[in-house]
Protein backbone atom coordinates (compact mmCIF):
# COMPACT_ATOMS: atom_id res chain seq x y z
CA GLY A 1 34.75 166.37 27.56
CA GLU A 2 35.48 169.88 28.74
CA LYS A 3 33.31 171.53 26.10
CA LEU A 4 30.26 169.44 26.99
CA VAL A 5 30.67 170.46 30.64
CA GLN A 6 30.96 174.11 29.78
CA GLU A 7 27.86 174.04 27.66
CA ALA A 8 25.96 172.33 30.42
CA LEU A 9 27.11 175.03 32.89
CA ASP A 10 26.23 177.86 30.50
CA LYS A 11 22.75 176.41 30.15
CA ALA A 12 22.27 175.79 33.98
CA LYS A 13 23.25 179.39 34.84
CA GLU A 14 20.78 181.12 32.52
CA GLY A 15 18.59 183.42 34.48
CA ARG A 16 20.00 182.62 37.82
CA THR A 17 22.92 183.12 40.28
CA THR A 18 25.25 180.26 40.05
CA ILE A 19 28.25 179.47 42.27
CA VAL A 20 30.84 177.27 40.60
CA ILE A 21 33.91 175.84 42.38
CA ALA A 22 36.49 174.83 39.90
CA HIS A 23 39.91 173.24 39.48
CA ARG A 24 40.05 173.95 35.84
CA LEU A 25 40.08 177.55 35.57
CA SER A 26 38.92 177.54 31.91
CA THR A 27 35.50 176.48 33.35
CA ILE A 28 34.94 179.70 35.00
CA LYS A 29 36.68 182.33 32.73
CA ASN A 30 33.32 183.32 31.24
CA ALA A 31 31.81 184.06 34.76
CA ASP A 32 30.64 187.59 35.45
CA ILE A 33 32.50 187.57 38.65
CA ILE A 34 35.33 185.37 39.77
CA VAL A 35 36.23 185.39 43.37
CA GLY A 36 39.75 184.39 44.65
CA ILE A 37 39.75 182.85 48.11
CA GLU A 38 42.98 182.06 49.91
CA HIS A 39 43.18 180.75 53.43
CA GLY A 40 39.49 181.39 53.85
CA GLN A 41 39.72 185.08 52.85
CA VAL A 42 38.56 186.79 49.83
CA VAL A 43 41.75 188.10 48.21
CA GLU A 44 40.46 189.41 44.88
CA TYR A 45 37.42 189.45 42.58
CA GLY A 46 36.48 190.52 39.23
CA SER A 47 36.13 189.35 35.62
CA HIS A 48 38.62 187.08 33.99
CA ASN A 49 40.18 190.05 32.09
CA GLU A 50 40.27 192.24 35.18
CA LEU A 51 41.98 189.53 37.30
CA MET A 52 44.46 188.72 34.64
CA GLN A 53 45.46 192.38 34.27
CA HIS A 54 45.71 192.64 38.26
CA LYS A 55 48.27 189.72 38.13
CA GLY A 56 47.36 188.47 41.56
CA LEU A 57 46.32 184.95 42.77
CA TYR A 58 43.99 184.14 39.87
CA TYR A 59 46.57 185.22 37.27
CA GLU A 60 49.20 182.96 38.99
CA LEU A 61 46.85 179.99 39.01
CA VAL A 62 45.79 180.45 35.41
CA THR A 63 49.48 180.86 34.33
CA ALA A 64 50.50 177.73 36.29
CA GLN A 65 47.69 175.66 34.97
CA THR A 66 48.27 176.73 31.40
CA GLU A 67 52.01 175.87 31.66
CA LYS A 68 51.30 172.44 33.21
CA GLU A 69 48.83 171.77 30.28
CA LYS A 70 51.41 172.67 27.79
CA GLU A 71 53.99 170.32 29.48
CA VAL A 72 51.44 167.39 29.43
CA GLU A 73 50.70 168.01 25.73
CA SER A 74 54.51 168.11 24.92
CA ASP A 75 55.12 164.90 26.90
CA ILE A 76 52.29 163.07 25.02
CA GLU A 77 53.67 164.31 21.66
CA ASN A 78 57.23 163.12 22.57
CA GLU A 79 55.84 159.75 23.46
CA MET A 80 54.26 159.23 20.07
């Protein structure tokens, strides 16, 4: 699952520059630098913590994704 993908990415990026394009933002939160691009323009960059404090595009995406994951988990629990 996701843990296996993260471990493979961590191993692949050792000692080299790696560019990762991700829909699941948890995949990139350990990156040295995260770049937010909107409409083809760089709108922000920094570490996960820096971008979360900035509360810009990255923060909005992480927050929305986290809320959506919680909704899905809740729906699954309610179906059981």
